[in-house]
Every structure is written in C-alpha cells, then in structure tokens.
C-alpha cells in the first residue's frame, strides 16, 4: 500500500507517492451496469482430484513401517529397549534425534497395546513399561 506524502524506497530511485483527484463525482451502484445475459465464457466446473479407492492401498510411509515393527516386536515379547535401539539405528540418517523418535514410537505402541487389551509375553524385560520408572 502506498500512502500519499511518503517516499517509495522500493526501487533504486525514490518515488514520492501522491494522490490525484480527477473528479468530485460520487459513484453509485447503478453507475456500474451489469450485463443482463450470462457471459459467454468457456466455464468448466473444477474437478476435484480423484480420491484413491479403498481397494487400491497406498504405500506405507517409513514411520508406519516403524510403528508396525514396534507393535510386532512388542507382541513377540522383545525387550522395548532393544526395539528402540533397532529403530534408532535404522533411522539414524533420517531423523534429527533418532533415539527420541524410536522411544516415542515404542512408547506409543505400548500404550496402544495396553488400550486395546493386547497382551505381550512376560518373558525377561519384555513387559517393562517405558513410561514408568524402573
């Protein structure tokens, strides 16, 4: 927006912004007639992008693969710390903080397993909950 009386310094040479009055007339709605017939334009309604069909599964993201891996490993009874280490090692080049990402993935997988009533084998430290203190 240019305000009269100020200099426009956007370009190399300064430009003084001025307001000019060309008429004293006040315009009204009827001063702008609209055509009574529809305009002849090549109007085509915009089509929405086709949504993928349910029968055509989309490829899983790497995060979804990690999530599935964590859930499978927990259901097998693998040690949560070992699962975290494996995911962090695998994602070391992809994530800014792979250990945080892996710990979050595994702890959320544990929480979902508890919420859905899934049971994990209780061998070794497999049943240890990462959200609780030892």
N, C-alpha and C. Protein backbone atom coordinates (compact mmCIF):
# COMPACT_ATOMS: atom_id res chain seq x y z
N UNK A 1 0.85 -1.16 0.00
CA UNK A 1 0.00 0.00 0.00
C UNK A 1 0.90 1.23 0.00
N UNK A 2 0.58 2.16 -0.83
CA UNK A 2 1.34 3.40 -0.92
C UNK A 2 0.51 4.51 -0.29
N UNK A 3 1.10 5.26 0.62
CA UNK A 3 0.41 6.33 1.31
C UNK A 3 0.91 7.66 0.78
N UNK A 4 0.00 8.52 0.33
CA UNK A 4 0.42 9.82 -0.22
C UNK A 4 1.26 10.60 0.79
N UNK A 5 2.31 11.23 0.27
CA UNK A 5 3.19 12.04 1.10
C UNK A 5 4.43 11.28 1.55
N UNK A 6 4.45 9.98 1.38
CA UNK A 6 5.62 9.19 1.75
C UNK A 6 6.39 8.81 0.51
N UNK A 7 7.67 8.53 0.69
CA UNK A 7 8.50 8.13 -0.44
C UNK A 7 8.54 6.61 -0.54
N UNK A 8 8.38 6.15 -1.77
CA UNK A 8 8.50 4.73 -2.04
C UNK A 8 9.98 4.46 -2.27
N UNK A 9 10.60 3.69 -1.39
CA UNK A 9 12.03 3.40 -1.48
C UNK A 9 12.28 1.96 -1.95
N UNK A 10 11.28 1.39 -2.57
CA UNK A 10 11.39 0.01 -3.01
C UNK A 10 12.39 -0.13 -4.16
N UNK A 11 12.51 0.89 -4.96
CA UNK A 11 13.39 0.84 -6.13
C UNK A 11 14.61 1.72 -5.90
N UNK A 12 15.56 1.68 -6.82
CA UNK A 12 16.80 2.45 -6.66
C UNK A 12 16.52 3.94 -6.52
N UNK A 13 15.65 4.48 -7.35
CA UNK A 13 15.32 5.91 -7.23
C UNK A 13 14.05 6.05 -6.41
N UNK A 14 14.10 6.99 -5.46
CA UNK A 14 12.93 7.22 -4.61
C UNK A 14 11.80 7.83 -5.42
N UNK A 15 10.60 7.49 -5.03
CA UNK A 15 9.42 7.99 -5.73
C UNK A 15 8.47 8.53 -4.68
N UNK A 16 8.10 9.82 -4.80
CA UNK A 16 7.17 10.44 -3.88
C UNK A 16 5.75 10.04 -4.27
N UNK A 17 5.05 9.43 -3.36
CA UNK A 17 3.68 8.97 -3.61
C UNK A 17 2.75 10.16 -3.46
N UNK A 18 1.91 10.37 -4.49
CA UNK A 18 0.97 11.49 -4.47
C UNK A 18 -0.42 10.99 -4.80
N UNK A 19 -1.41 11.65 -4.26
CA UNK A 19 -2.81 11.34 -4.58
C UNK A 19 -3.30 12.39 -5.56
N UNK A 20 -4.03 11.93 -6.56
CA UNK A 20 -4.58 12.87 -7.55
C UNK A 20 -6.09 12.75 -7.55
N UNK A 21 -6.77 13.89 -7.61
CA UNK A 21 -8.23 13.90 -7.66
C UNK A 21 -8.62 14.23 -9.10
N UNK A 22 -9.32 13.31 -9.74
CA UNK A 22 -9.71 13.52 -11.13
C UNK A 22 -11.14 14.03 -11.25
N UNK A 23 -11.95 13.83 -10.23
CA UNK A 23 -13.34 14.28 -10.28
C UNK A 23 -13.88 14.42 -8.86
N UNK A 24 -14.96 15.17 -8.73
CA UNK A 24 -15.64 15.30 -7.44
C UNK A 24 -16.87 14.41 -7.39
N UNK A 25 -17.11 13.69 -8.47
CA UNK A 25 -18.31 12.87 -8.58
C UNK A 25 -18.26 11.69 -7.61
N UNK A 26 -19.41 11.38 -7.02
CA UNK A 26 -19.55 10.21 -6.17
C UNK A 26 -20.26 9.14 -6.99
N UNK A 27 -19.65 8.00 -7.12
CA UNK A 27 -20.23 6.92 -7.92
C UNK A 27 -21.19 6.09 -7.08
N UNK A 28 -22.22 5.55 -7.77
CA UNK A 28 -23.22 4.71 -7.13
C UNK A 28 -23.29 3.37 -7.86
N UNK A 29 -24.01 2.45 -7.27
CA UNK A 29 -24.11 1.10 -7.82
C UNK A 29 -24.63 1.11 -9.26
N UNK A 30 -25.59 1.95 -9.55
CA UNK A 30 -26.18 1.98 -10.89
C UNK A 30 -25.22 2.55 -11.94
N UNK A 31 -24.12 3.16 -11.51
CA UNK A 31 -23.12 3.65 -12.45
C UNK A 31 -22.30 2.51 -13.04
N UNK A 32 -22.47 1.32 -12.51
CA UNK A 32 -21.71 0.17 -12.99
C UNK A 32 -22.69 -0.90 -13.45
N UNK A 33 -23.23 -0.76 -14.66
CA UNK A 33 -24.24 -1.71 -15.13
C UNK A 33 -23.63 -3.10 -15.35
N UNK A 34 -24.42 -4.09 -15.01
CA UNK A 34 -24.01 -5.47 -15.24
C UNK A 34 -24.74 -6.00 -16.45
N UNK A 35 -24.10 -6.86 -17.22
CA UNK A 35 -24.79 -7.43 -18.38
C UNK A 35 -25.99 -8.26 -17.91
N UNK A 36 -27.08 -8.17 -18.65
CA UNK A 36 -28.30 -8.88 -18.26
C UNK A 36 -28.27 -10.34 -18.65
N UNK A 37 -27.45 -10.70 -19.64
CA UNK A 37 -27.35 -12.09 -20.06
C UNK A 37 -26.04 -12.67 -19.54
N UNK A 38 -26.04 -13.97 -19.31
CA UNK A 38 -24.79 -14.58 -18.83
C UNK A 38 -23.67 -14.40 -19.85
N UNK A 39 -22.51 -14.20 -19.36
CA UNK A 39 -21.35 -14.04 -20.24
C UNK A 39 -21.05 -15.36 -20.93
N UNK A 40 -20.66 -15.27 -22.17
CA UNK A 40 -20.30 -16.46 -22.93
C UNK A 40 -18.83 -16.78 -22.66
N UNK A 41 -18.63 -17.57 -21.65
CA UNK A 41 -17.26 -17.95 -21.32
C UNK A 41 -17.14 -19.45 -21.42
N UNK A 42 -15.95 -19.88 -21.47
CA UNK A 42 -15.67 -21.31 -21.52
C UNK A 42 -15.51 -21.80 -20.08
N UNK A 43 -16.60 -21.74 -19.34
CA UNK A 43 -16.56 -22.11 -17.94
C UNK A 43 -16.73 -23.61 -17.79
N UNK A 44 -15.80 -24.20 -17.11
CA UNK A 44 -15.90 -25.63 -16.80
C UNK A 44 -15.73 -25.78 -15.29
N UNK A 45 -16.66 -26.44 -14.66
CA UNK A 45 -16.52 -26.62 -13.21
C UNK A 45 -15.22 -27.35 -12.89
N UNK A 46 -14.61 -26.91 -11.80
CA UNK A 46 -13.36 -27.53 -11.39
C UNK A 46 -13.63 -28.93 -10.88
N UNK A 47 -12.83 -29.86 -11.33
CA UNK A 47 -12.98 -31.24 -10.88
C UNK A 47 -12.03 -31.48 -9.73
N UNK A 48 -12.54 -32.16 -8.74
CA UNK A 48 -11.70 -32.50 -7.60
C UNK A 48 -10.79 -33.65 -7.99
N UNK A 49 -9.64 -33.68 -7.38
CA UNK A 49 -8.71 -34.77 -7.64
C UNK A 49 -9.36 -36.09 -7.25
N UNK A 50 -9.11 -37.07 -8.04
CA UNK A 50 -9.69 -38.38 -7.77
C UNK A 50 -9.17 -38.91 -6.44
N UNK A 51 -10.07 -39.39 -5.62
CA UNK A 51 -9.65 -39.96 -4.35
C UNK A 51 -9.29 -41.42 -4.58
N UNK A 52 -8.26 -41.88 -3.92
CA UNK A 52 -7.88 -43.28 -4.13
C UNK A 52 -8.98 -44.21 -3.63
N UNK A 53 -9.18 -45.25 -4.35
CA UNK A 53 -10.20 -46.22 -3.98
C UNK A 53 -9.70 -47.07 -2.82
N UNK A 54 -10.64 -47.53 -2.03
CA UNK A 54 -10.26 -48.34 -0.89
C UNK A 54 -9.60 -49.64 -1.31
N UNK A 55 -9.91 -50.12 -2.52
CA UNK A 55 -9.31 -51.36 -2.98
C UNK A 55 -7.87 -51.15 -3.45
N UNK A 56 -7.46 -49.90 -3.58
CA UNK A 56 -6.09 -49.60 -4.01
C UNK A 56 -5.33 -49.03 -2.81
N UNK A 57 -4.64 -49.88 -2.05
CA UNK A 57 -3.96 -49.37 -0.86
C UNK A 57 -2.79 -48.46 -1.24
N UNK A 58 -2.62 -47.44 -0.44
CA UNK A 58 -1.50 -46.54 -0.67
C UNK A 58 -0.26 -47.14 -0.02
N UNK A 59 0.91 -46.81 -0.51
CA UNK A 59 2.11 -47.35 0.12
C UNK A 59 2.28 -46.77 1.53
N UNK A 60 2.79 -47.59 2.44
CA UNK A 60 3.00 -47.14 3.81
C UNK A 60 4.24 -46.26 3.89
N UNK A 61 4.18 -45.27 4.76
CA UNK A 61 5.35 -44.43 5.00
C UNK A 61 6.35 -45.20 5.86
N UNK A 62 7.58 -44.71 5.92
CA UNK A 62 8.57 -45.38 6.75
C UNK A 62 8.16 -45.34 8.22
N UNK A 63 7.54 -44.24 8.65
CA UNK A 63 7.07 -44.16 10.04
C UNK A 63 6.02 -45.22 10.33
N UNK A 64 5.14 -45.48 9.36
CA UNK A 64 4.13 -46.53 9.55
C UNK A 64 4.78 -47.91 9.62
N UNK A 65 5.85 -48.11 8.83
CA UNK A 65 6.59 -49.37 8.91
C UNK A 65 7.24 -49.52 10.29
N UNK A 66 7.82 -48.42 10.80
CA UNK A 66 8.44 -48.45 12.13
C UNK A 66 7.41 -48.79 13.20
N UNK A 67 6.23 -48.18 13.08
CA UNK A 67 5.14 -48.40 14.03
C UNK A 67 4.73 -49.88 14.01
N UNK A 68 4.55 -50.42 12.82
CA UNK A 68 4.16 -51.82 12.68
C UNK A 68 5.24 -52.74 13.25
N UNK A 69 6.49 -52.40 12.98
CA UNK A 69 7.61 -53.20 13.51
C UNK A 69 7.59 -53.20 15.04
N UNK A 70 7.41 -52.02 15.63
CA UNK A 70 7.39 -51.91 17.09
C UNK A 70 6.26 -52.74 17.68
N UNK A 71 5.08 -52.69 17.06
CA UNK A 71 3.94 -53.46 17.57
C UNK A 71 4.19 -54.96 17.45
N UNK A 72 4.76 -55.39 16.33
CA UNK A 72 5.06 -56.82 16.16
C UNK A 72 6.10 -57.29 17.18
N UNK A 73 7.15 -56.49 17.33
CA UNK A 73 8.23 -56.86 18.25
C UNK A 73 7.72 -56.91 19.69
N UNK A 74 6.88 -55.96 20.06
CA UNK A 74 6.31 -55.98 21.42
C UNK A 74 5.43 -57.21 21.61
N UNK A 75 4.64 -57.56 20.60
CA UNK A 75 3.75 -58.72 20.73
C UNK A 75 4.55 -60.02 20.80
N UNK A 76 5.75 -60.03 20.21
CA UNK A 76 6.63 -61.21 20.30
C UNK A 76 7.29 -61.30 21.67
N UNK A 77 7.32 -60.18 22.38
CA UNK A 77 7.95 -60.17 23.69
C UNK A 77 9.36 -59.62 23.68
N UNK A 78 9.76 -58.96 22.59
CA UNK A 78 11.10 -58.37 22.54
C UNK A 78 11.23 -57.27 23.59
N UNK A 79 12.45 -57.09 24.07
CA UNK A 79 12.74 -56.05 25.05
C UNK A 79 12.50 -54.68 24.42
N UNK A 80 11.70 -53.82 25.04
CA UNK A 80 11.43 -52.49 24.48
C UNK A 80 12.69 -51.67 24.21
N UNK A 81 13.68 -51.79 25.09
CA UNK A 81 14.94 -51.05 24.87
C UNK A 81 15.65 -51.54 23.62
N UNK A 82 15.58 -52.83 23.36
CA UNK A 82 16.20 -53.39 22.16
C UNK A 82 15.45 -52.92 20.90
N UNK A 83 14.13 -52.86 20.99
CA UNK A 83 13.33 -52.36 19.86
C UNK A 83 13.70 -50.91 19.57
N UNK A 84 13.81 -50.13 20.63
CA UNK A 84 14.20 -48.71 20.48
C UNK A 84 15.55 -48.61 19.80
N UNK A 85 16.51 -49.43 20.26
CA UNK A 85 17.85 -49.38 19.68
C UNK A 85 17.82 -49.72 18.19
N UNK A 86 17.06 -50.76 17.84
CA UNK A 86 17.00 -51.17 16.42
C UNK A 86 16.38 -50.07 15.55
N UNK A 87 15.27 -49.49 16.01
CA UNK A 87 14.63 -48.43 15.22
C UNK A 87 15.55 -47.22 15.11
N UNK A 88 16.18 -46.84 16.22
CA UNK A 88 17.09 -45.68 16.20
C UNK A 88 18.26 -45.93 15.26
N UNK A 89 18.82 -47.14 15.28
CA UNK A 89 19.93 -47.46 14.37
C UNK A 89 19.48 -47.38 12.92
N UNK A 90 18.30 -47.92 12.65
CA UNK A 90 17.79 -47.94 11.27
C UNK A 90 17.49 -46.53 10.76
N UNK A 91 17.02 -45.65 11.65
CA UNK A 91 16.62 -44.30 11.23
C UNK A 91 17.69 -43.25 11.54
N UNK A 92 18.90 -43.67 11.85
CA UNK A 92 19.96 -42.75 12.26
C UNK A 92 20.21 -41.64 11.25
N UNK A 93 20.08 -41.93 9.97
CA UNK A 93 20.36 -40.92 8.95
C UNK A 93 19.12 -40.12 8.56
N UNK A 94 17.93 -40.59 8.95
CA UNK A 94 16.69 -39.94 8.55
C UNK A 94 16.15 -38.94 9.56
N UNK A 95 16.46 -39.14 10.82
CA UNK A 95 15.85 -38.33 11.88
C UNK A 95 16.90 -37.48 12.57
N UNK A 96 16.46 -36.28 12.98
CA UNK A 96 17.35 -35.38 13.71
C UNK A 96 17.75 -35.99 15.05
N UNK A 97 16.81 -36.59 15.74
CA UNK A 97 17.07 -37.26 17.02
C UNK A 97 16.45 -38.66 16.96
N UNK A 98 17.17 -39.62 16.35
CA UNK A 98 16.58 -40.94 16.13
C UNK A 98 16.22 -41.68 17.42
N UNK A 99 16.98 -41.45 18.49
CA UNK A 99 16.68 -42.12 19.75
C UNK A 99 15.35 -41.62 20.33
N UNK A 100 15.12 -40.32 20.27
CA UNK A 100 13.85 -39.75 20.73
C UNK A 100 12.69 -40.31 19.90
N UNK A 101 12.88 -40.31 18.58
CA UNK A 101 11.85 -40.82 17.67
C UNK A 101 11.52 -42.28 17.99
N UNK A 102 12.56 -43.10 18.15
CA UNK A 102 12.36 -44.52 18.41
C UNK A 102 11.67 -44.73 19.76
N UNK A 103 12.10 -43.99 20.78
CA UNK A 103 11.50 -44.13 22.11
C UNK A 103 10.02 -43.73 22.07
N UNK A 104 9.72 -42.65 21.36
CA UNK A 104 8.33 -42.20 21.23
C UNK A 104 7.48 -43.24 20.49
N UNK A 105 8.02 -43.79 19.41
CA UNK A 105 7.30 -44.79 18.63
C UNK A 105 6.98 -46.01 19.49
N UNK A 106 7.97 -46.50 20.22
CA UNK A 106 7.77 -47.71 21.03
C UNK A 106 6.83 -47.43 22.20
N UNK A 107 6.98 -46.28 22.85
CA UNK A 107 6.10 -45.99 23.99
C UNK A 107 4.65 -45.83 23.53
N UNK A 108 4.44 -45.23 22.36
CA UNK A 108 3.07 -45.12 21.84
C UNK A 108 2.52 -46.49 21.44
N UNK A 109 3.37 -47.34 20.89
CA UNK A 109 2.94 -48.70 20.54
C UNK A 109 2.56 -49.47 21.80
N UNK A 110 3.33 -49.28 22.88
CA UNK A 110 2.99 -49.93 24.15
C UNK A 110 1.65 -49.42 24.67
N UNK A 111 1.46 -48.11 24.61
CA UNK A 111 0.21 -47.52 25.11
C UNK A 111 -0.98 -48.04 24.32
N UNK A 112 -0.85 -48.14 23.01
CA UNK A 112 -1.96 -48.64 22.20
C UNK A 112 -2.24 -50.11 22.50
N UNK A 113 -1.18 -50.86 22.70
CA UNK A 113 -1.37 -52.28 23.03
C UNK A 113 -2.12 -52.44 24.34
N UNK A 114 -1.77 -51.62 25.33
CA UNK A 114 -2.48 -51.66 26.61
C UNK A 114 -3.94 -51.26 26.44
N UNK A 115 -4.17 -50.18 25.67
CA UNK A 115 -5.53 -49.66 25.50
C UNK A 115 -6.42 -50.66 24.75
N UNK A 116 -5.84 -51.39 23.81
CA UNK A 116 -6.65 -52.34 23.04
C UNK A 116 -6.73 -53.70 23.70
N UNK A 117 -6.06 -53.85 24.84
CA UNK A 117 -6.14 -55.11 25.58
C UNK A 117 -5.21 -56.18 25.07
N UNK A 118 -4.29 -55.84 24.17
CA UNK A 118 -3.34 -56.83 23.68
C UNK A 118 -2.39 -57.18 24.81
N UNK A 119 -2.02 -58.41 24.86
CA UNK A 119 -1.10 -58.85 25.90
C UNK A 119 0.24 -59.14 25.27
N UNK A 120 1.29 -58.73 25.94
CA UNK A 120 2.63 -59.05 25.46
C UNK A 120 3.20 -60.13 26.36
N UNK A 121 4.00 -61.03 25.81
CA UNK A 121 4.60 -62.08 26.63
C UNK A 121 5.40 -61.46 27.77
N UNK A 122 5.43 -62.11 28.89
CA UNK A 122 6.08 -61.54 30.06
C UNK A 122 7.46 -62.13 30.30
N UNK A 123 8.12 -62.57 29.25
CA UNK A 123 9.45 -63.13 29.42
C UNK A 123 10.48 -62.02 29.49
N UNK A 124 11.45 -62.19 30.37
CA UNK A 124 12.52 -61.22 30.51
C UNK A 124 12.00 -59.85 30.87
N UNK A 125 12.48 -58.83 30.16
CA UNK A 125 12.07 -57.45 30.43
C UNK A 125 11.04 -56.98 29.43
N UNK A 126 10.46 -57.91 28.68
CA UNK A 126 9.54 -57.52 27.61
C UNK A 126 8.33 -56.77 28.13
N UNK A 127 7.89 -57.06 29.33
CA UNK A 127 6.68 -56.40 29.83
C UNK A 127 6.98 -55.07 30.50
N UNK A 128 8.24 -54.68 30.56
CA UNK A 128 8.60 -53.43 31.20
C UNK A 128 8.00 -52.27 30.43
N UNK A 129 7.40 -51.35 31.11
CA UNK A 129 6.74 -50.19 30.51
C UNK A 129 7.73 -49.03 30.48
N UNK A 130 7.96 -48.46 29.32
CA UNK A 130 8.93 -47.37 29.20
C UNK A 130 8.44 -46.09 29.84
N UNK A 131 7.15 -45.97 30.11
CA UNK A 131 6.62 -44.75 30.69
C UNK A 131 6.68 -44.74 32.21
N UNK A 132 7.09 -45.85 32.79
CA UNK A 132 7.18 -45.92 34.25
C UNK A 132 8.64 -45.96 34.65
N UNK A 133 8.92 -45.52 35.88
CA UNK A 133 10.27 -45.62 36.42
C UNK A 133 10.54 -47.07 36.78
N UNK A 134 11.81 -47.53 36.64
CA UNK A 134 12.14 -48.94 36.96
C UNK A 134 11.94 -49.27 38.41
